[in-house]
């Protein structure tokens, strides 16, 4: 019982950040394979505030984990990153003239950057974990659908 609880808690805290790390490794590896530069890989990872590569990795990982593993609480990995994001929104004011949501979710960069300095470490894990959770829900439904069909086929 305690192993399930420990695994669930660790999954909640480390899943978004581990996936970000894996995304970085994959992106840099693919870029270097095609003789790209670290600057190109960095731009691909953080060049847009909506982080499409991380969202894609979250979608694929969430679906596959829920489809093939019976891990509890995969649909709830967004809770910890949301808490961190909301806390940051409360205690880190945006620069003058920039809206709160524009600062954390948009192009309203500070100090000449495309994104606010904290956005990759706070907003990016939130986006990834929400995507991971939504696609884990789809993966669970697929796994449950597959189980029901296998039960019906064995009874029929």
N, C-alpha and C. Protein backbone atom coordinates (compact mmCIF):
# COMPACT_ATOMS: atom_id res chain seq x y z
N UNK A 1 0.82 -1.19 0.00
CA UNK A 1 0.00 0.00 0.00
C UNK A 1 0.87 1.27 0.00
N UNK A 2 1.89 1.29 0.85
CA UNK A 2 2.73 2.49 0.94
C UNK A 2 3.52 2.71 -0.34
N UNK A 3 3.82 1.62 -1.08
CA UNK A 3 4.53 1.76 -2.35
C UNK A 3 3.65 2.48 -3.37
N UNK A 4 2.37 2.18 -3.38
CA UNK A 4 1.45 2.85 -4.30
C UNK A 4 1.35 4.32 -3.96
N UNK A 5 1.26 4.64 -2.69
CA UNK A 5 1.17 6.04 -2.26
C UNK A 5 2.47 6.78 -2.62
N UNK A 6 3.60 6.17 -2.33
CA UNK A 6 4.89 6.79 -2.64
C UNK A 6 5.06 7.00 -4.14
N UNK A 7 4.71 5.99 -4.92
CA UNK A 7 4.82 6.11 -6.37
C UNK A 7 3.89 7.21 -6.90
N UNK A 8 2.70 7.30 -6.34
CA UNK A 8 1.75 8.34 -6.77
C UNK A 8 2.26 9.74 -6.43
N UNK A 9 2.79 9.91 -5.24
CA UNK A 9 3.31 11.22 -4.83
C UNK A 9 4.52 11.60 -5.69
N UNK A 10 5.43 10.66 -5.90
CA UNK A 10 6.59 10.93 -6.74
C UNK A 10 6.18 11.25 -8.17
N UNK A 11 5.18 10.53 -8.67
CA UNK A 11 4.68 10.80 -10.02
C UNK A 11 4.12 12.23 -10.09
N UNK A 12 3.39 12.65 -9.09
CA UNK A 12 2.82 14.00 -9.07
C UNK A 12 3.89 15.07 -9.11
N UNK A 13 4.93 14.90 -8.32
CA UNK A 13 5.94 15.94 -8.20
C UNK A 13 6.96 15.92 -9.33
N UNK A 14 7.34 14.75 -9.81
CA UNK A 14 8.46 14.68 -10.73
C UNK A 14 8.08 14.44 -12.19
N UNK A 15 6.89 13.98 -12.47
CA UNK A 15 6.50 13.66 -13.84
C UNK A 15 6.67 14.84 -14.80
N UNK A 16 6.10 16.02 -14.50
CA UNK A 16 6.26 17.12 -15.47
C UNK A 16 7.72 17.52 -15.69
N UNK A 17 8.49 17.52 -14.63
CA UNK A 17 9.89 17.95 -14.75
C UNK A 17 10.75 16.88 -15.41
N UNK A 18 10.45 15.62 -15.15
CA UNK A 18 11.18 14.54 -15.84
C UNK A 18 10.86 14.56 -17.33
N UNK A 19 9.60 14.80 -17.67
CA UNK A 19 9.25 14.88 -19.09
C UNK A 19 9.89 16.08 -19.77
N UNK A 20 10.04 17.19 -19.05
CA UNK A 20 10.74 18.33 -19.62
C UNK A 20 12.21 17.99 -19.89
N UNK A 21 12.80 17.28 -18.98
CA UNK A 21 14.19 16.86 -19.14
C UNK A 21 14.32 15.92 -20.34
N UNK A 22 13.42 14.96 -20.44
CA UNK A 22 13.44 14.02 -21.56
C UNK A 22 13.21 14.75 -22.88
N UNK A 23 12.30 15.72 -22.88
CA UNK A 23 12.04 16.52 -24.09
C UNK A 23 13.30 17.25 -24.53
N UNK A 24 14.02 17.82 -23.58
CA UNK A 24 15.26 18.51 -23.90
C UNK A 24 16.30 17.58 -24.49
N UNK A 25 16.46 16.41 -23.89
CA UNK A 25 17.43 15.44 -24.40
C UNK A 25 17.07 15.00 -25.82
N UNK A 26 15.80 14.70 -26.05
CA UNK A 26 15.37 14.27 -27.38
C UNK A 26 15.58 15.39 -28.40
N UNK A 27 15.18 16.60 -28.05
CA UNK A 27 15.31 17.72 -28.98
C UNK A 27 16.76 17.99 -29.33
N UNK A 28 17.63 18.08 -28.34
CA UNK A 28 19.04 18.32 -28.61
C UNK A 28 19.64 17.17 -29.43
N UNK A 29 19.26 15.93 -29.13
CA UNK A 29 19.79 14.79 -29.88
C UNK A 29 19.38 14.85 -31.34
N UNK A 30 18.11 15.14 -31.60
CA UNK A 30 17.63 15.20 -32.98
C UNK A 30 18.28 16.36 -33.72
N UNK A 31 18.39 17.51 -33.07
CA UNK A 31 19.01 18.67 -33.72
C UNK A 31 20.48 18.38 -34.04
N UNK A 32 21.21 17.79 -33.12
CA UNK A 32 22.62 17.48 -33.36
C UNK A 32 22.78 16.40 -34.42
N UNK A 33 21.81 15.48 -34.50
CA UNK A 33 21.86 14.44 -35.51
C UNK A 33 21.82 15.06 -36.92
N UNK A 34 21.10 16.17 -37.04
CA UNK A 34 21.00 16.87 -38.32
C UNK A 34 21.97 18.05 -38.40
N UNK A 35 23.01 18.02 -37.57
CA UNK A 35 24.07 19.01 -37.57
C UNK A 35 23.58 20.42 -37.24
N UNK A 36 22.58 20.49 -36.39
CA UNK A 36 22.10 21.79 -35.93
C UNK A 36 22.93 22.29 -34.76
N UNK A 37 22.55 23.43 -34.25
CA UNK A 37 23.29 24.02 -33.13
C UNK A 37 22.45 23.99 -31.86
N UNK A 38 23.12 24.23 -30.76
CA UNK A 38 22.41 24.31 -29.49
C UNK A 38 21.44 25.48 -29.49
N UNK A 39 21.78 26.54 -30.20
CA UNK A 39 20.88 27.70 -30.29
C UNK A 39 19.57 27.31 -30.98
N UNK A 40 19.66 26.49 -32.01
CA UNK A 40 18.45 26.03 -32.71
C UNK A 40 17.60 25.16 -31.79
N UNK A 41 18.23 24.25 -31.10
CA UNK A 41 17.49 23.38 -30.17
C UNK A 41 16.85 24.20 -29.06
N UNK A 42 17.58 25.16 -28.55
CA UNK A 42 17.04 26.02 -27.50
C UNK A 42 15.85 26.82 -28.00
N UNK A 43 15.95 27.31 -29.24
CA UNK A 43 14.82 28.06 -29.80
C UNK A 43 13.60 27.16 -29.99
N UNK A 44 13.82 25.93 -30.43
CA UNK A 44 12.70 25.00 -30.61
C UNK A 44 12.02 24.72 -29.27
N UNK A 45 12.81 24.60 -28.22
CA UNK A 45 12.25 24.29 -26.90
C UNK A 45 11.56 25.49 -26.25
N UNK A 46 12.10 26.68 -26.45
CA UNK A 46 11.57 27.84 -25.71
C UNK A 46 11.24 29.03 -26.61
N UNK A 47 11.16 28.83 -27.91
CA UNK A 47 10.93 29.93 -28.83
C UNK A 47 9.51 30.45 -28.86
N UNK A 48 8.57 29.68 -28.41
CA UNK A 48 7.18 30.14 -28.35
C UNK A 48 6.67 29.96 -26.92
N UNK A 49 5.78 30.83 -26.49
CA UNK A 49 5.30 30.72 -25.11
C UNK A 49 4.35 29.55 -24.89
N UNK A 50 3.93 28.89 -25.96
CA UNK A 50 2.97 27.80 -25.80
C UNK A 50 3.64 26.44 -25.82
N UNK A 51 4.94 26.40 -26.03
CA UNK A 51 5.76 25.22 -25.87
C UNK A 51 5.18 23.97 -26.56
N UNK A 52 5.05 24.01 -27.89
CA UNK A 52 4.41 22.89 -28.60
C UNK A 52 5.15 21.56 -28.50
N UNK A 53 6.47 21.57 -28.44
CA UNK A 53 7.22 20.31 -28.34
C UNK A 53 6.92 19.65 -27.00
N UNK A 54 6.92 20.43 -25.93
CA UNK A 54 6.65 19.88 -24.60
C UNK A 54 5.21 19.37 -24.52
N UNK A 55 4.28 20.09 -25.14
CA UNK A 55 2.89 19.66 -25.13
C UNK A 55 2.74 18.34 -25.89
N UNK A 56 3.43 18.22 -27.02
CA UNK A 56 3.37 16.97 -27.78
C UNK A 56 3.94 15.80 -26.98
N UNK A 57 5.06 16.02 -26.30
CA UNK A 57 5.64 14.96 -25.47
C UNK A 57 4.69 14.60 -24.32
N UNK A 58 4.07 15.60 -23.70
CA UNK A 58 3.11 15.34 -22.63
C UNK A 58 1.92 14.53 -23.13
N UNK A 59 1.44 14.84 -24.33
CA UNK A 59 0.30 14.11 -24.89
C UNK A 59 0.67 12.65 -25.15
N UNK A 60 1.80 12.44 -25.79
CA UNK A 60 2.23 11.07 -26.11
C UNK A 60 2.49 10.27 -24.83
N UNK A 61 3.24 10.86 -23.90
CA UNK A 61 3.57 10.15 -22.66
C UNK A 61 2.32 9.87 -21.83
N UNK A 62 1.44 10.84 -21.70
CA UNK A 62 0.22 10.63 -20.93
C UNK A 62 -0.64 9.51 -21.48
N UNK A 63 -0.80 9.51 -22.80
CA UNK A 63 -1.61 8.47 -23.43
C UNK A 63 -0.97 7.10 -23.24
N UNK A 64 0.33 6.99 -23.50
CA UNK A 64 1.00 5.69 -23.40
C UNK A 64 1.06 5.16 -21.98
N UNK A 65 1.35 6.03 -21.03
CA UNK A 65 1.43 5.59 -19.63
C UNK A 65 0.07 5.08 -19.16
N UNK A 66 -0.99 5.82 -19.45
CA UNK A 66 -2.32 5.39 -19.00
C UNK A 66 -2.83 4.18 -19.77
N UNK A 67 -2.42 4.07 -21.00
CA UNK A 67 -2.90 2.96 -21.84
C UNK A 67 -2.28 1.63 -21.41
N UNK A 68 -0.99 1.66 -21.05
CA UNK A 68 -0.28 0.40 -20.81
C UNK A 68 0.10 0.14 -19.35
N UNK A 69 -0.07 1.14 -18.48
CA UNK A 69 0.25 0.95 -17.07
C UNK A 69 -0.94 1.37 -16.23
N UNK A 70 -1.11 0.69 -15.13
CA UNK A 70 -2.20 1.03 -14.22
C UNK A 70 -1.64 1.84 -13.06
N UNK A 71 -1.29 3.10 -13.35
CA UNK A 71 -0.74 3.98 -12.33
C UNK A 71 -1.84 4.89 -11.84
N UNK A 72 -2.08 4.91 -10.54
CA UNK A 72 -3.12 5.79 -10.02
C UNK A 72 -2.71 7.26 -10.12
N UNK A 73 -3.65 8.09 -10.22
CA UNK A 73 -3.50 9.54 -10.20
C UNK A 73 -2.79 10.14 -11.41
N UNK A 74 -2.71 9.43 -12.52
CA UNK A 74 -2.08 10.04 -13.70
C UNK A 74 -2.90 11.20 -14.23
N UNK A 75 -4.20 11.18 -13.96
CA UNK A 75 -5.04 12.29 -14.42
C UNK A 75 -4.90 13.53 -13.56
N UNK A 76 -4.13 13.46 -12.50
CA UNK A 76 -4.04 14.57 -11.55
C UNK A 76 -2.65 15.19 -11.48
N UNK A 77 -1.82 14.97 -12.47
CA UNK A 77 -0.46 15.52 -12.43
C UNK A 77 -0.42 17.03 -12.60
N UNK A 78 -1.51 17.64 -12.99
CA UNK A 78 -1.56 19.09 -13.18
C UNK A 78 -1.69 19.85 -11.86
N UNK A 79 -2.01 19.18 -10.78
CA UNK A 79 -2.31 19.86 -9.52
C UNK A 79 -1.08 20.57 -8.95
N UNK A 80 0.04 19.89 -8.87
CA UNK A 80 1.25 20.50 -8.31
C UNK A 80 1.75 21.66 -9.18
N UNK A 81 1.89 21.47 -10.51
CA UNK A 81 2.30 22.62 -11.32
C UNK A 81 1.32 23.79 -11.28
N UNK A 82 0.03 23.51 -11.17
CA UNK A 82 -0.94 24.60 -11.04
C UNK A 82 -0.73 25.35 -9.73
N UNK A 83 -0.48 24.62 -8.66
CA UNK A 83 -0.20 25.27 -7.38
C UNK A 83 1.03 26.16 -7.44
N UNK A 84 2.08 25.66 -8.09
CA UNK A 84 3.30 26.46 -8.24
C UNK A 84 3.03 27.69 -9.10
N UNK A 85 2.27 27.52 -10.18
CA UNK A 85 1.95 28.64 -11.06
C UNK A 85 1.11 29.69 -10.34
N UNK A 86 0.07 29.26 -9.63
CA UNK A 86 -0.77 30.22 -8.91
C UNK A 86 0.00 30.95 -7.82
N UNK A 87 0.85 30.24 -7.12
CA UNK A 87 1.68 30.88 -6.09
C UNK A 87 2.61 31.91 -6.73
N UNK A 88 3.19 31.55 -7.86
CA UNK A 88 4.07 32.49 -8.56
C UNK A 88 3.30 33.70 -9.06
N UNK A 89 2.09 33.48 -9.54
CA UNK A 89 1.28 34.60 -10.01
C UNK A 89 0.92 35.55 -8.88
N UNK A 90 0.78 35.01 -7.67
CA UNK A 90 0.47 35.85 -6.52
C UNK A 90 1.67 36.65 -6.03
N UNK A 91 2.86 36.02 -6.06
CA UNK A 91 4.01 36.64 -5.41
C UNK A 91 5.06 37.24 -6.35
N UNK A 92 4.94 37.00 -7.65
CA UNK A 92 5.88 37.58 -8.61
C UNK A 92 5.09 38.54 -9.50
N UNK A 93 5.19 39.83 -9.23
CA UNK A 93 4.41 40.78 -10.03
C UNK A 93 5.01 40.93 -11.44
N UNK A 94 4.15 41.12 -12.44
CA UNK A 94 4.66 41.34 -13.79
C UNK A 94 5.29 42.73 -13.91
N UNK A 95 6.13 42.93 -14.91
CA UNK A 95 6.71 44.25 -15.11
C UNK A 95 5.63 45.30 -15.38
N UNK A 96 5.98 46.53 -15.19
CA UNK A 96 5.03 47.62 -15.40
C UNK A 96 4.51 47.61 -16.84
N UNK A 97 3.21 47.70 -16.99
CA UNK A 97 2.59 47.75 -18.30
C UNK A 97 2.28 46.40 -18.92
N UNK A 98 2.55 45.33 -18.21
CA UNK A 98 2.30 43.99 -18.72
C UNK A 98 1.23 43.34 -17.85
N UNK A 99 0.22 42.74 -18.49
CA UNK A 99 -0.84 42.10 -17.72
C UNK A 99 -0.31 40.82 -17.07
N UNK A 100 -0.97 40.43 -16.01
CA UNK A 100 -0.57 39.22 -15.28
C UNK A 100 -0.64 37.99 -16.18
N UNK A 101 -1.76 37.83 -16.90
CA UNK A 101 -1.90 36.66 -17.77
C UNK A 101 -1.00 36.76 -18.99
N UNK A 102 -0.79 37.96 -19.49
CA UNK A 102 0.13 38.15 -20.61
C UNK A 102 1.55 37.80 -20.22
N UNK A 103 1.91 38.10 -18.98
CA UNK A 103 3.26 37.81 -18.49
C UNK A 103 3.48 36.31 -18.35
N UNK A 104 2.52 35.61 -17.78
CA UNK A 104 2.71 34.19 -17.50
C UNK A 104 2.32 33.28 -18.66
N UNK A 105 1.40 33.72 -19.53
CA UNK A 105 0.91 32.83 -20.58
C UNK A 105 1.14 33.32 -22.00
N UNK A 106 1.70 34.51 -22.17
CA UNK A 106 1.80 35.05 -23.51
C UNK A 106 3.19 35.49 -23.90
N UNK A 107 3.25 36.38 -24.86
CA UNK A 107 4.49 36.87 -25.43
C UNK A 107 5.05 38.06 -24.68
N UNK A 108 4.45 38.43 -23.60
CA UNK A 108 4.85 39.64 -22.88
C UNK A 108 6.17 39.44 -22.16
N UNK A 109 7.23 39.34 -22.89
CA UNK A 109 8.53 39.07 -22.31
C UNK A 109 9.08 40.27 -21.55
N UNK A 110 9.96 39.99 -20.65
CA UNK A 110 10.62 41.03 -19.87
C UNK A 110 12.09 41.05 -20.24
N UNK A 111 12.69 42.17 -20.15
CA UNK A 111 14.12 42.38 -20.37
C UNK A 111 14.61 41.82 -21.71
N UNK A 112 13.83 42.07 -22.78
CA UNK A 112 14.25 41.72 -24.11
C UNK A 112 14.17 40.25 -24.46
N UNK A 113 13.51 39.46 -23.66
CA UNK A 113 13.38 38.03 -23.94
C UNK A 113 12.02 37.75 -24.54
N UNK A 114 11.91 36.66 -25.26
CA UNK A 114 10.64 36.28 -25.86
C UNK A 114 9.64 35.91 -24.77
N UNK A 115 10.09 35.33 -23.71
CA UNK A 115 9.22 34.90 -22.62
C UNK A 115 9.75 35.45 -21.31
N UNK A 116 8.88 35.57 -20.30
CA UNK A 116 9.37 35.99 -18.99
C UNK A 116 10.37 34.98 -18.45
N UNK A 117 11.31 35.41 -17.64
CA UNK A 117 12.37 34.52 -17.17
C UNK A 117 11.88 33.30 -16.40
N UNK A 118 10.76 33.40 -15.72
CA UNK A 118 10.26 32.26 -14.95
C UNK A 118 9.32 31.37 -15.73
N UNK A 119 8.89 31.80 -16.90
CA UNK A 119 7.88 31.05 -17.64
C UNK A 119 8.32 29.62 -18.00
N UNK A 120 9.55 29.39 -18.48
CA UNK A 120 9.92 28.00 -18.81
C UNK A 120 9.91 27.07 -17.60
N UNK A 121 10.21 27.55 -16.44
CA UNK A 121 10.25 26.69 -15.26
C UNK A 121 8.93 26.54 -14.55
N UNK A 122 7.98 27.41 -14.86
CA UNK A 122 6.70 27.37 -14.14
C UNK A 122 5.52 27.14 -15.07
N UNK A 123 5.41 27.92 -16.13
CA UNK A 123 4.28 27.78 -17.05
C UNK A 123 4.44 26.53 -17.91
N UNK A 124 5.64 26.27 -18.38
CA UNK A 124 5.89 25.10 -19.23
C UNK A 124 5.51 23.79 -18.54
N UNK A 125 5.91 23.54 -17.29
CA UNK A 125 5.47 22.30 -16.63
C UNK A 125 3.95 22.23 -16.45
N UNK A 126 3.32 23.39 -16.27
CA UNK A 126 1.86 23.41 -16.15
C UNK A 126 1.22 22.95 -17.46
N UNK A 127 1.65 23.54 -18.59
CA UNK A 127 1.12 23.13 -19.89
C UNK A 127 1.34 21.64 -20.13
N UNK A 128 2.55 21.18 -19.87
CA UNK A 128 2.88 19.78 -20.10
C UNK A 128 2.03 18.87 -19.22
N UNK A 129 1.87 19.22 -17.95
CA UNK A 129 1.13 18.35 -17.04
C UNK A 129 -0.36 18.33 -17.35
N UNK A 130 -0.91 19.45 -17.79
CA UNK A 130 -2.33 19.46 -18.18
C UNK A 130 -2.53 18.56 -19.39
N UNK A 131 -1.65 18.67 -20.37
CA UNK A 131 -1.74 17.81 -21.56
C UNK A 131 -1.56 16.35 -21.18
N UNK A 132 -0.58 16.08 -20.34
CA UNK A 132 -0.33 14.72 -19.88
C UNK A 132 -1.58 14.14 -19.20
N UNK A 133 -2.20 14.94 -18.35
CA UNK A 133 -3.39 14.47 -17.62
C UNK A 133 -4.56 14.21 -18.56
N UNK A 134 -4.80 15.12 -19.50
CA UNK A 134 -5.90 14.94 -20.44
C UNK A 134 -5.70 13.70 -21.31
N UNK A 135 -4.49 13.52 -21.80
CA UNK A 135 -4.25 12.37 -22.65
C UNK A 135 -4.17 11.07 -21.84
N UNK A 136 -3.86 11.15 -20.56
CA UNK A 136 -3.91 9.94 -19.74
C UNK A 136 -5.36 9.51 -19.55
N UNK A 137 -6.26 10.47 -19.50
CA UNK A 137 -7.69 10.14 -19.43
C UNK A 137 -8.10 9.39 -20.69
N UNK A 138 -7.66 9.86 -21.85
CA UNK A 138 -7.95 9.15 -23.10
C UNK A 138 -7.33 7.77 -23.13
N UNK A 139 -6.10 7.66 -22.63
CA UNK A 139 -5.44 6.36 -22.58
C UNK A 139 -6.14 5.38 -21.66
N UNK A 140 -6.63 5.88 -20.52
CA UNK A 140 -7.38 5.02 -19.61
C UNK A 140 -8.67 4.54 -20.24
N UNK A 141 -9.35 5.42 -20.94
CA UNK A 141 -10.58 5.02 -21.61
C UNK A 141 -10.30 3.96 -22.67
N UNK A 142 -9.20 4.12 -23.39
CA UNK A 142 -8.82 3.12 -24.39
C UNK A 142 -8.49 1.79 -23.75
N UNK A 143 -7.78 1.83 -22.60
CA UNK A 143 -7.43 0.60 -21.90
C UNK A 143 -8.69 -0.08 -21.38
N UNK A 144 -9.61 0.69 -20.81
CA UNK A 144 -10.86 0.12 -20.29
C UNK A 144 -11.72 -0.42 -21.42
N UNK A 145 -11.75 0.27 -22.55
CA UNK A 145 -12.51 -0.19 -23.71
C UNK A 145 -11.94 -1.51 -24.22
N UNK A 146 -10.61 -1.62 -24.26
CA UNK A 146 -9.96 -2.84 -24.70
C UNK A 146 -10.29 -3.99 -23.75
N UNK A 147 -10.31 -3.72 -22.44
CA UNK A 147 -10.63 -4.76 -21.45
C UNK A 147 -12.06 -5.26 -21.62
N UNK A 148 -13.00 -4.32 -21.85
CA UNK A 148 -14.40 -4.72 -22.01
C UNK A 148 -14.56 -5.58 -23.25
N UNK A 149 -13.89 -5.23 -24.33
CA UNK A 149 -14.01 -6.05 -25.53
C UNK A 149 -13.39 -7.43 -25.35
N UNK A 150 -12.30 -7.52 -24.63
CA UNK A 150 -11.70 -8.82 -24.41
C UNK A 150 -12.59 -9.69 -23.51
N UNK A 151 -13.30 -9.09 -22.56
CA UNK A 151 -14.22 -9.83 -21.70
C UNK A 151 -15.41 -10.32 -22.52
N UNK A 152 -15.96 -9.44 -23.38
CA UNK A 152 -17.09 -9.84 -24.21
C UNK A 152 -16.71 -10.94 -25.20
N UNK A 153 -15.52 -10.87 -25.75
CA UNK A 153 -15.08 -11.89 -26.71
C UNK A 153 -14.88 -13.24 -26.02
N UNK A 154 -14.36 -13.23 -24.78
CA UNK A 154 -14.14 -14.48 -24.07
C UNK A 154 -15.46 -15.09 -23.60
N UNK A 155 -16.49 -14.24 -23.36
CA UNK A 155 -17.79 -14.76 -22.95
C UNK A 155 -18.61 -15.23 -24.13
N UNK A 156 -18.35 -14.67 -25.31
CA UNK A 156 -19.17 -14.97 -26.49
C UNK A 156 -18.66 -16.12 -27.23
